[in-house]
């Protein structure tokens, strides 16, 4: 997939520049050590024009991610959101994925950076995992231990774990991977949160060792609004195998159903599942066909 061409603009620090001539600091910690923070947002073409879904929450999380690793964050979030809309207009994009990235200045020491830069990029990108129901496997890779990383922050280097797990899953004929935590409970997919349905109730792992997804929180709000029981509990592999259905959530993937986990194929038809109802509700929210202000 080509993310930019000779006409594509990105926002870098304080100005819009050509993506193919922005350059890169070869002596920065972000390149050498993965010392950076990023976010992922989606803009949707709605009857109200192009709208970025939950932009404030995403940029606030970006700020907190930077603070968690001592990376300076000197920008005003309101201004950055305005620049995102300018970026979409400059690149003639109405529906797009937006990637903010905060990266360090020159520094080869293993110490917190005193300088930081910000980049905003956008491109057309359909649902990250496609539209079809997924085949996933239980990965041999585990989520990072919370005592080793700030797992609630979106830190660049931590996603090596995700790359390893998802690549291994694809090599074994699956679409995505489910990762265990250090205690043997199923935590999440490589970059999406996990929900299962069992006996008309929705279950999802607690925040102990998962990424606190904004889409995850939206799903919880949808469940409460629609009157579905939503329960946060530690999930075993057996819980996953014996579920009636399952789905993943994330900004890039949106909400996508799971057809199979390892050798287990879910018997419930996806279209008749609670997950499918949540998926339709979510689509209405991001397209502003329904009010999303009430969703927690």
C-alpha atoms as a PDB file:
ATOM      1  CA  UNK A   1       0.000   0.000   0.000  1.00  0.00           C
ATOM      2  CA  UNK A   2       1.257   3.487  -0.888  1.00  0.00           C
ATOM      3  CA  UNK A   3       0.670   5.975   1.911  1.00  0.00           C
ATOM      4  CA  UNK A   4       1.784   9.099   0.059  1.00  0.00           C
ATOM      5  CA  UNK A   5       2.873  10.457  -3.316  1.00  0.00           C
ATOM      6  CA  UNK A   6       4.782  13.489  -4.547  1.00  0.00           C
ATOM      7  CA  UNK A   7       1.807  15.749  -3.798  1.00  0.00           C
ATOM      8  CA  UNK A   8       1.024  14.532  -0.273  1.00  0.00           C
ATOM      9  CA  UNK A   9       1.449  17.025   2.555  1.00  0.00           C
ATOM     10  CA  UNK A  10       2.141  16.286   6.209  1.00  0.00           C
ATOM     11  CA  UNK A  11       2.192  18.634   9.183  1.00  0.00           C
ATOM     12  CA  UNK A  12       5.662  18.758  10.788  1.00  0.00           C
ATOM     13  CA  UNK A  13       6.127  20.808  13.963  1.00  0.00           C
ATOM     14  CA  UNK A  14       4.694  24.098  12.711  1.00  0.00           C
ATOM     15  CA  UNK A  15       4.180  23.861   8.974  1.00  0.00           C
ATOM     16  CA  UNK A  16       2.848  21.735   6.157  1.00  0.00           C
ATOM     17  CA  UNK A  17       5.596  20.136   4.058  1.00  0.00           C
ATOM     18  CA  UNK A  18       5.849  17.554   1.281  1.00  0.00           C
ATOM     19  CA  UNK A  19       5.866  14.056   2.749  1.00  0.00           C
ATOM     20  CA  UNK A  20       8.622  12.870   0.400  1.00  0.00           C
ATOM     21  CA  UNK A  21      11.031  15.640   1.411  1.00  0.00           C
ATOM     22  CA  UNK A  22      10.431  15.904   5.159  1.00  0.00           C
ATOM     23  CA  UNK A  23      13.678  14.123   6.052  1.00  0.00           C
ATOM     24  CA  UNK A  24      14.460  12.150   9.179  1.00  0.00           C
ATOM     25  CA  UNK A  25      16.885  12.573  12.075  1.00  0.00           C
ATOM     26  CA  UNK A  26      19.199   9.571  11.859  1.00  0.00           C
ATOM     27  CA  UNK A  27      20.513  10.270  15.368  1.00  0.00           C
ATOM     28  CA  UNK A  28      17.171  10.329  17.158  1.00  0.00           C
ATOM     29  CA  UNK A  29      16.132   7.951  19.937  1.00  0.00           C
ATOM     30  CA  UNK A  30      12.837   7.278  18.183  1.00  0.00           C
ATOM     31  CA  UNK A  31      14.604   5.615  15.272  1.00  0.00           C
ATOM     32  CA  UNK A  32      17.225   3.778  17.320  1.00  0.00           C
ATOM     33  CA  UNK A  33      15.248   2.807  20.428  1.00  0.00           C
ATOM     34  CA  UNK A  34      11.541   3.161  19.568  1.00  0.00           C
ATOM     35  CA  UNK A  35      11.320   6.130  21.939  1.00  0.00           C
ATOM     36  CA  UNK A  36       8.225   7.863  20.617  1.00  0.00           C
ATOM     37  CA  UNK A  37       4.466   7.997  21.013  1.00  0.00           C
ATOM     38  CA  UNK A  38       1.728   7.939  18.436  1.00  0.00           C
ATOM     39  CA  UNK A  39      -2.023   7.901  17.957  1.00  0.00           C
ATOM     40  CA  UNK A  40      -4.520   6.719  15.382  1.00  0.00           C
ATOM     41  CA  UNK A  41      -7.700   8.611  14.545  1.00  0.00           C
ATOM     42  CA  UNK A  42     -10.358   8.229  11.889  1.00  0.00           C
ATOM     43  CA  UNK A  43     -12.116  10.941   9.950  1.00  0.00           C
ATOM     44  CA  UNK A  44     -15.496  10.076   8.437  1.00  0.00           C
ATOM     45  CA  UNK A  45     -17.518  11.696   5.692  1.00  0.00           C
ATOM     46  CA  UNK A  46     -20.830  12.513   7.393  1.00  0.00           C
ATOM     47  CA  UNK A  47     -23.906  14.569   6.554  1.00  0.00           C
ATOM     48  CA  UNK A  48     -22.251  17.258   8.710  1.00  0.00           C
ATOM     49  CA  UNK A  49     -19.113  17.180   6.571  1.00  0.00           C
ATOM     50  CA  UNK A  50     -15.806  15.520   7.416  1.00  0.00           C
ATOM     51  CA  UNK A  51     -15.660  14.766  11.137  1.00  0.00           C
ATOM     52  CA  UNK A  52     -12.897  13.222  13.243  1.00  0.00           C
ATOM     53  CA  UNK A  53     -14.305  10.769  15.769  1.00  0.00           C
ATOM     54  CA  UNK A  54     -13.350  11.501  19.391  1.00  0.00           C
ATOM     55  CA  UNK A  55     -10.397  13.667  18.427  1.00  0.00           C
ATOM     56  CA  UNK A  56     -10.086  15.219  21.881  1.00  0.00           C
ATOM     57  CA  UNK A  57      -9.798  11.834  23.594  1.00  0.00           C
ATOM     58  CA  UNK A  58      -7.114  10.673  21.170  1.00  0.00           C
ATOM     59  CA  UNK A  59      -4.914  13.739  21.557  1.00  0.00           C
ATOM     60  CA  UNK A  60      -5.316  13.706  25.321  1.00  0.00           C
ATOM     61  CA  UNK A  61      -4.104  10.100  25.299  1.00  0.00           C
ATOM     62  CA  UNK A  62      -1.170  11.144  23.119  1.00  0.00           C
ATOM     63  CA  UNK A  63      -0.223  13.761  25.697  1.00  0.00           C
ATOM     64  CA  UNK A  64      -0.419  11.219  28.515  1.00  0.00           C
ATOM     65  CA  UNK A  65       1.616   8.691  26.520  1.00  0.00           C
ATOM     66  CA  UNK A  66       4.396  11.235  26.054  1.00  0.00           C
ATOM     67  CA  UNK A  67       4.333  12.211  29.717  1.00  0.00           C
ATOM     68  CA  UNK A  68       4.569   8.554  30.764  1.00  0.00           C
ATOM     69  CA  UNK A  69       7.987   8.208  29.092  1.00  0.00           C
ATOM     70  CA  UNK A  70       9.293  11.719  29.715  1.00  0.00           C
ATOM     71  CA  UNK A  71       8.908  12.879  26.124  1.00  0.00           C
ATOM     72  CA  UNK A  72       8.154  16.632  26.002  1.00  0.00           C
ATOM     73  CA  UNK A  73       4.649  17.532  24.839  1.00  0.00           C
ATOM     74  CA  UNK A  74       4.442  21.282  24.235  1.00  0.00           C
ATOM     75  CA  UNK A  75       1.503  21.495  21.830  1.00  0.00           C
ATOM     76  CA  UNK A  76      -2.060  22.621  22.355  1.00  0.00           C
ATOM     77  CA  UNK A  77      -4.466  19.799  21.546  1.00  0.00           C
ATOM     78  CA  UNK A  78      -7.121  22.114  20.178  1.00  0.00           C
ATOM     79  CA  UNK A  79      -4.588  23.536  17.725  1.00  0.00           C
ATOM     80  CA  UNK A  80      -3.473  20.052  16.690  1.00  0.00           C
ATOM     81  CA  UNK A  81      -7.062  19.031  15.985  1.00  0.00           C
ATOM     82  CA  UNK A  82      -7.486  22.116  13.811  1.00  0.00           C
ATOM     83  CA  UNK A  83      -4.293  21.175  11.949  1.00  0.00           C
ATOM     84  CA  UNK A  84      -5.735  17.696  11.361  1.00  0.00           C
ATOM     85  CA  UNK A  85      -8.730  19.206   9.608  1.00  0.00           C
ATOM     86  CA  UNK A  86      -6.418  21.438   7.574  1.00  0.00           C
ATOM     87  CA  UNK A  87      -4.343  18.395   6.684  1.00  0.00           C
ATOM     88  CA  UNK A  88      -7.412  16.564   5.405  1.00  0.00           C
ATOM     89  CA  UNK A  89      -8.465  19.562   3.330  1.00  0.00           C
ATOM     90  CA  UNK A  90      -4.995  20.088   1.830  1.00  0.00           C
ATOM     91  CA  UNK A  91      -4.821  16.431   0.801  1.00  0.00           C
ATOM     92  CA  UNK A  92      -8.425  16.392  -0.431  1.00  0.00           C
ATOM     93  CA  UNK A  93      -9.441  13.663   2.012  1.00  0.00           C
ATOM     94  CA  UNK A  94     -12.939  13.219   3.392  1.00  0.00           C
ATOM     95  CA  UNK A  95     -12.633   9.759   4.971  1.00  0.00           C
ATOM     96  CA  UNK A  96      -9.151   8.977   6.242  1.00  0.00           C
ATOM     97  CA  UNK A  97      -6.910   7.527   8.900  1.00  0.00           C
ATOM     98  CA  UNK A  98      -4.850  10.132  10.765  1.00  0.00           C
ATOM     99  CA  UNK A  99      -1.505   9.351  12.379  1.00  0.00           C
ATOM    100  CA  UNK A 100       0.050  11.788  14.881  1.00  0.00           C
ATOM    101  CA  UNK A 101       3.598  10.861  15.885  1.00  0.00           C
ATOM    102  CA  UNK A 102       5.748  12.498  18.550  1.00  0.00           C
ATOM    103  CA  UNK A 103       9.435  11.689  18.152  1.00  0.00           C
ATOM    104  CA  UNK A 104      12.607  12.747  19.907  1.00  0.00           C
ATOM    105  CA  UNK A 105      15.407  15.037  18.846  1.00  0.00           C
ATOM    106  CA  UNK A 106      19.040  13.968  18.489  1.00  0.00           C
ATOM    107  CA  UNK A 107      20.171  11.961  21.492  1.00  0.00           C
ATOM    108  CA  UNK A 108      22.052   8.666  21.667  1.00  0.00           C
ATOM    109  CA  UNK A 109      21.856   8.365  25.472  1.00  0.00           C
ATOM    110  CA  UNK A 110      19.347   6.147  27.241  1.00  0.00           C
ATOM    111  CA  UNK A 111      17.819   9.117  29.026  1.00  0.00           C
ATOM    112  CA  UNK A 112      14.648  11.115  28.558  1.00  0.00           C
ATOM    113  CA  UNK A 113      14.742  13.547  25.664  1.00  0.00           C
ATOM    114  CA  UNK A 114      14.727  17.300  26.158  1.00  0.00           C
ATOM    115  CA  UNK A 115      13.421  17.904  22.633  1.00  0.00           C
ATOM    116  CA  UNK A 116      10.506  16.492  20.677  1.00  0.00           C
ATOM    117  CA  UNK A 117       8.885  16.915  17.282  1.00  0.00           C
ATOM    118  CA  UNK A 118       5.369  16.179  16.101  1.00  0.00           C
ATOM    119  CA  UNK A 119       4.168  14.915  12.743  1.00  0.00           C
ATOM    120  CA  UNK A 120       0.602  14.586  11.484  1.00  0.00           C
ATOM    121  CA  UNK A 121      -0.102  12.412   8.451  1.00  0.00           C
ATOM    122  CA  UNK A 122      -3.318  11.158   6.859  1.00  0.00           C
ATOM    123  CA  UNK A 123      -4.242   8.665   4.168  1.00  0.00           C
ATOM    124  CA  UNK A 124      -7.206   6.698   2.877  1.00  0.00           C
ATOM    125  CA  UNK A 125      -7.354   3.412   4.749  1.00  0.00           C
ATOM    126  CA  UNK A 126     -10.227   0.971   4.934  1.00  0.00           C
ATOM    127  CA  UNK A 127     -10.806  -1.163   8.041  1.00  0.00           C
ATOM    128  CA  UNK A 128      -7.383  -2.421   9.086  1.00  0.00           C
ATOM    129  CA  UNK A 129      -8.395  -6.089   9.228  1.00  0.00           C
ATOM    130  CA  UNK A 130     -10.794  -5.933   6.308  1.00  0.00           C
ATOM    131  CA  UNK A 131     -14.538  -6.523   6.229  1.00  0.00           C
ATOM    132  CA  UNK A 132     -14.698 -10.307   6.517  1.00  0.00           C
ATOM    133  CA  UNK A 133     -15.007 -12.321   9.714  1.00  0.00           C
ATOM    134  CA  UNK A 134     -11.608 -13.161  11.172  1.00  0.00           C
ATOM    135  CA  UNK A 135      -9.725 -16.354  11.839  1.00  0.00           C
ATOM    136  CA  UNK A 136      -7.455 -15.775  14.845  1.00  0.00           C
ATOM    137  CA  UNK A 137      -5.070 -17.891  16.863  1.00  0.00           C
ATOM    138  CA  UNK A 138      -3.795 -17.907  20.418  1.00  0.00           C
ATOM    139  CA  UNK A 139      -0.281 -16.564  20.031  1.00  0.00           C
ATOM    140  CA  UNK A 140       2.871 -17.945  21.591  1.00  0.00           C
ATOM    141  CA  UNK A 141       3.845 -14.309  22.232  1.00  0.00           C
ATOM    142  CA  UNK A 142       2.665 -12.643  25.444  1.00  0.00           C
ATOM    143  CA  UNK A 143       1.698  -9.066  26.155  1.00  0.00           C
ATOM    144  CA  UNK A 144       4.486  -7.021  27.799  1.00  0.00           C
ATOM    145  CA  UNK A 145       4.539  -7.207  31.577  1.00  0.00           C
ATOM    146  CA  UNK A 146       3.005  -4.056  33.138  1.00  0.00           C
ATOM    147  CA  UNK A 147       6.021  -3.864  35.446  1.00  0.00           C
ATOM    148  CA  UNK A 148       8.282  -3.459  32.417  1.00  0.00           C
ATOM    149  CA  UNK A 149       6.332  -1.010  30.244  1.00  0.00           C
ATOM    150  CA  UNK A 150       3.585   1.574  30.491  1.00  0.00           C
ATOM    151  CA  UNK A 151       1.154  -0.722  28.673  1.00  0.00           C
ATOM    152  CA  UNK A 152      -1.629   1.868  28.888  1.00  0.00           C
ATOM    153  CA  UNK A 153       0.408   4.245  26.686  1.00  0.00           C
ATOM    154  CA  UNK A 154       0.735   4.110  22.911  1.00  0.00           C
ATOM    155  CA  UNK A 155       4.521   3.887  22.723  1.00  0.00           C
ATOM    156  CA  UNK A 156       6.213   3.164  19.403  1.00  0.00           C
ATOM    157  CA  UNK A 157       8.721   0.544  20.536  1.00  0.00           C
ATOM    158  CA  UNK A 158       6.133  -1.579  22.308  1.00  0.00           C
ATOM    159  CA  UNK A 159       4.496  -2.411  18.990  1.00  0.00           C
ATOM    160  CA  UNK A 160       7.357  -4.725  18.066  1.00  0.00           C
ATOM    161  CA  UNK A 161       5.455  -7.189  20.237  1.00  0.00           C
ATOM    162  CA  UNK A 162       2.388  -6.671  18.051  1.00  0.00           C
ATOM    163  CA  UNK A 163       4.387  -7.088  14.835  1.00  0.00           C
ATOM    164  CA  UNK A 164       5.824 -10.394  16.020  1.00  0.00           C
ATOM    165  CA  UNK A 165       2.446 -11.785  17.066  1.00  0.00           C
ATOM    166  CA  UNK A 166       0.485 -10.726  13.989  1.00  0.00           C
ATOM    167  CA  UNK A 167       3.230 -11.805  11.574  1.00  0.00           C
ATOM    168  CA  UNK A 168       3.383 -15.222  13.220  1.00  0.00           C
ATOM    169  CA  UNK A 169      -0.417 -15.551  12.991  1.00  0.00           C
ATOM    170  CA  UNK A 170      -0.460 -14.698   9.282  1.00  0.00           C
ATOM    171  CA  UNK A 171       2.364 -17.138   8.577  1.00  0.00           C
ATOM    172  CA  UNK A 172       0.240 -19.841  10.198  1.00  0.00           C
ATOM    173  CA  UNK A 173      -2.785 -19.057   8.044  1.00  0.00           C
ATOM    174  CA  UNK A 174      -4.706 -16.769  10.407  1.00  0.00           C
ATOM    175  CA  UNK A 175      -5.736 -13.129  10.146  1.00  0.00           C
ATOM    176  CA  UNK A 176      -4.838 -11.944  13.633  1.00  0.00           C
ATOM    177  CA  UNK A 177      -3.434 -13.106  16.975  1.00  0.00           C
ATOM    178  CA  UNK A 178      -4.742 -13.151  20.535  1.00  0.00           C
ATOM    179  CA  UNK A 179      -2.053 -12.595  23.159  1.00  0.00           C
ATOM    180  CA  UNK A 180      -1.972 -13.909  26.711  1.00  0.00           C
ATOM    181  CA  UNK A 181      -0.807 -11.895  29.704  1.00  0.00           C
ATOM    182  CA  UNK A 182       1.966 -12.990  32.059  1.00  0.00           C
ATOM    183  CA  UNK A 183      -0.570 -14.861  34.220  1.00  0.00           C
ATOM    184  CA  UNK A 184      -1.961 -16.994  31.407  1.00  0.00           C
ATOM    185  CA  UNK A 185      -5.172 -15.065  30.747  1.00  0.00           C
ATOM    186  CA  UNK A 186      -6.184 -13.910  27.281  1.00  0.00           C
ATOM    187  CA  UNK A 187      -5.540 -10.163  27.105  1.00  0.00           C
ATOM    188  CA  UNK A 188      -6.201  -8.759  23.637  1.00  0.00           C
ATOM    189  CA  UNK A 189      -5.295  -8.993  19.968  1.00  0.00           C
ATOM    190  CA  UNK A 190      -2.081  -7.526  18.590  1.00  0.00           C
ATOM    191  CA  UNK A 191      -3.579  -4.028  18.443  1.00  0.00           C
ATOM    192  CA  UNK A 192      -7.295  -4.495  19.175  1.00  0.00           C
ATOM    193  CA  UNK A 193      -9.362  -5.144  22.268  1.00  0.00           C
ATOM    194  CA  UNK A 194     -11.306  -8.376  22.644  1.00  0.00           C
ATOM    195  CA  UNK A 195     -14.976  -8.998  23.460  1.00  0.00           C
ATOM    196  CA  UNK A 196     -16.808 -12.312  23.664  1.00  0.00           C
ATOM    197  CA  UNK A 197     -20.511 -13.098  23.875  1.00  0.00           C
ATOM    198  CA  UNK A 198     -21.771 -15.896  26.122  1.00  0.00           C
ATOM    199  CA  UNK A 199     -25.416 -16.524  27.059  1.00  0.00           C
ATOM    200  CA  UNK A 200     -26.482 -13.057  25.855  1.00  0.00           C
ATOM    201  CA  UNK A 201     -23.839 -11.272  27.927  1.00  0.00           C
ATOM    202  CA  UNK A 202     -20.701  -9.498  26.715  1.00  0.00           C
ATOM    203  CA  UNK A 203     -17.361 -10.100  28.434  1.00  0.00           C
ATOM    204  CA  UNK A 204     -14.069  -8.256  27.996  1.00  0.00           C
ATOM    205  CA  UNK A 205     -10.732  -8.443  29.868  1.00  0.00           C
ATOM    206  CA  UNK A 206     -10.210  -5.822  32.594  1.00  0.00           C
ATOM    207  CA  UNK A 207      -7.630  -3.061  32.348  1.00  0.00           C
ATOM    208  CA  UNK A 208      -4.930  -5.011  34.224  1.00  0.00           C
ATOM    209  CA  UNK A 209      -2.846  -5.895  31.157  1.00  0.00           C
ATOM    210  CA  UNK A 210      -4.594  -4.533  28.090  1.00  0.00           C
ATOM    211  CA  UNK A 211      -4.441  -1.326  26.128  1.00  0.00           C
ATOM    212  CA  UNK A 212      -7.324   0.966  27.242  1.00  0.00           C
ATOM    213  CA  UNK A 213      -8.778   1.505  23.796  1.00  0.00           C
ATOM    214  CA  UNK A 214     -11.010   4.461  23.050  1.00  0.00           C
ATOM    215  CA  UNK A 215     -13.097   2.224  20.794  1.00  0.00           C
ATOM    216  CA  UNK A 216     -13.277  -0.312  23.644  1.00  0.00           C
ATOM    217  CA  UNK A 217     -14.716   2.369  25.923  1.00  0.00           C
ATOM    218  CA  UNK A 218     -17.190   3.329  23.201  1.00  0.00           C
ATOM    219  CA  UNK A 219     -18.307  -0.308  22.928  1.00  0.00           C
ATOM    220  CA  UNK A 220     -18.859  -0.433  26.699  1.00  0.00           C
ATOM    221  CA  UNK A 221     -20.962   2.720  26.421  1.00  0.00           C
ATOM    222  CA  UNK A 222     -23.002   1.227  23.567  1.00  0.00           C
ATOM    223  CA  UNK A 223     -23.675  -1.901  25.622  1.00  0.00           C
ATOM    224  CA  UNK A 224     -24.933   0.183  28.528  1.00  0.00           C
ATOM    225  CA  UNK A 225     -27.117   2.331  26.284  1.00  0.00           C
ATOM    226  CA  UNK A 226     -28.665  -0.691  24.559  1.00  0.00           C
ATOM    227  CA  UNK A 227     -29.175  -2.588  27.803  1.00  0.00           C
ATOM    228  CA  UNK A 228     -26.645  -5.375  27.156  1.00  0.00           C
ATOM    229  CA  UNK A 229     -24.839  -6.800  30.176  1.00  0.00           C
ATOM    230  CA  UNK A 230     -21.147  -5.919  29.874  1.00  0.00           C
ATOM    231  CA  UNK A 231     -18.805  -7.645  32.318  1.00  0.00           C
ATOM    232  CA  UNK A 232     -15.079  -7.053  32.738  1.00  0.00           C
ATOM    233  CA  UNK A 233     -13.344 -10.249  33.869  1.00  0.00           C
ATOM    234  CA  UNK A 234     -10.198 -12.233  33.251  1.00  0.00           C
ATOM    235  CA  UNK A 235     -10.745 -14.622  30.350  1.00  0.00           C
ATOM    236  CA  UNK A 236      -9.169 -18.045  29.953  1.00  0.00           C
ATOM    237  CA  UNK A 237      -8.521 -19.838  26.676  1.00  0.00           C
ATOM    238  CA  UNK A 238     -11.461 -22.066  27.536  1.00  0.00           C
ATOM    239  CA  UNK A 239     -13.689 -18.979  27.885  1.00  0.00           C
ATOM    240  CA  UNK A 240     -12.675 -17.976  24.363  1.00  0.00           C
ATOM    241  CA  UNK A 241     -13.239 -21.462  22.942  1.00  0.00           C
ATOM    242  CA  UNK A 242     -16.692 -21.879  24.525  1.00  0.00           C
ATOM    243  CA  UNK A 243     -18.019 -18.387  23.704  1.00  0.00           C
ATOM    244  CA  UNK A 244     -21.047 -18.009  21.450  1.00  0.00           C
ATOM    245  CA  UNK A 245     -19.290 -15.350  19.382  1.00  0.00           C
ATOM    246  CA  UNK A 246     -16.479 -12.805  19.607  1.00  0.00           C
ATOM    247  CA  UNK A 247     -15.323  -9.536  18.096  1.00  0.00           C
ATOM    248  CA  UNK A 248     -12.400  -7.120  18.153  1.00  0.00           C
ATOM    249  CA  UNK A 249     -12.424  -3.340  18.441  1.00  0.00           C
ATOM    250  CA  UNK A 250      -9.983  -0.569  17.600  1.00  0.00           C
ATOM    251  CA  UNK A 251      -9.829   2.719  15.725  1.00  0.00           C
ATOM    252  CA  UNK A 252      -8.038   1.214  12.727  1.00  0.00           C
ATOM    253  CA  UNK A 253     -10.015  -2.042  12.688  1.00  0.00           C
ATOM    254  CA  UNK A 254     -13.258  -0.439  13.912  1.00  0.00           C
ATOM    255  CA  UNK A 255     -15.460  -3.391  15.024  1.00  0.00           C
ATOM    256  CA  UNK A 256     -14.913  -6.726  13.317  1.00  0.00           C
ATOM    257  CA  UNK A 257     -16.371 -10.143  14.085  1.00  0.00           C
ATOM    258  CA  UNK A 258     -14.369 -13.295  14.763  1.00  0.00           C
ATOM    259  CA  UNK A 259     -15.333 -16.493  12.965  1.00  0.00           C
ATOM    260  CA  UNK A 260     -12.748 -18.866  14.388  1.00  0.00           C
ATOM    261  CA  UNK A 261     -10.173 -19.117  17.193  1.00  0.00           C
ATOM    262  CA  UNK A 262      -7.578 -21.820  16.600  1.00  0.00           C
ATOM    263  CA  UNK A 263      -9.590 -24.925  15.650  1.00  0.00           C
ATOM    264  CA  UNK A 264     -12.845 -23.642  17.163  1.00  0.00           C
ATOM    265  CA  UNK A 265     -15.460 -22.212  14.766  1.00  0.00           C
ATOM    266  CA  UNK A 266     -18.213 -20.215  16.434  1.00  0.00           C
ATOM    267  CA  UNK A 267     -21.637 -21.634  15.696  1.00  0.00           C
ATOM    268  CA  UNK A 268     -23.655 -18.456  16.186  1.00  0.00           C
ATOM    269  CA  UNK A 269     -24.279 -16.538  12.982  1.00  0.00           C
ATOM    270  CA  UNK A 270     -22.480 -13.192  13.219  1.00  0.00           C
ATOM    271  CA  UNK A 271     -25.468 -11.223  11.913  1.00  0.00           C
ATOM    272  CA  UNK A 272     -27.583 -12.568  14.785  1.00  0.00           C
ATOM    273  CA  UNK A 273     -25.004 -11.796  17.478  1.00  0.00           C
ATOM    274  CA  UNK A 274     -24.904  -8.924  19.943  1.00  0.00           C
ATOM    275  CA  UNK A 275     -21.558  -7.989  18.409  1.00  0.00           C
ATOM    276  CA  UNK A 276     -23.189  -7.357  15.040  1.00  0.00           C
ATOM    277  CA  UNK A 277     -25.736  -5.074  16.708  1.00  0.00           C
ATOM    278  CA  UNK A 278     -22.903  -3.166  18.384  1.00  0.00           C
ATOM    279  CA  UNK A 279     -21.061  -2.976  15.075  1.00  0.00           C
ATOM    280  CA  UNK A 280     -24.078  -1.372  13.379  1.00  0.00           C
ATOM    281  CA  UNK A 281     -24.561   1.051  16.270  1.00  0.00           C
ATOM    282  CA  UNK A 282     -20.891   2.040  16.144  1.00  0.00           C
ATOM    283  CA  UNK A 283     -21.087   2.753  12.429  1.00  0.00           C
ATOM    284  CA  UNK A 284     -24.085   5.015  13.010  1.00  0.00           C
ATOM    285  CA  UNK A 285     -22.160   6.874  15.714  1.00  0.00           C
ATOM    286  CA  UNK A 286     -19.037   7.572  13.684  1.00  0.00           C
ATOM    287  CA  UNK A 287     -21.150   8.690  10.718  1.00  0.00           C
ATOM    288  CA  UNK A 288     -23.119  10.940  13.094  1.00  0.00           C
ATOM    289  CA  UNK A 289     -26.388   9.293  12.141  1.00  0.00           C
ATOM    290  CA  UNK A 290     -26.967   9.031  15.887  1.00  0.00           C
ATOM    291  CA  UNK A 291     -25.837  11.217  18.778  1.00  0.00           C
ATOM    292  CA  UNK A 292     -22.650   9.890  20.334  1.00  0.00           C
ATOM    293  CA  UNK A 293     -22.334  12.430  23.113  1.00  0.00           C
ATOM    294  CA  UNK A 294     -24.210  10.106  25.452  1.00  0.00           C
ATOM    295  CA  UNK A 295     -21.723   7.273  24.890  1.00  0.00           C
ATOM    296  CA  UNK A 296     -19.235   7.107  27.740  1.00  0.00           C
END
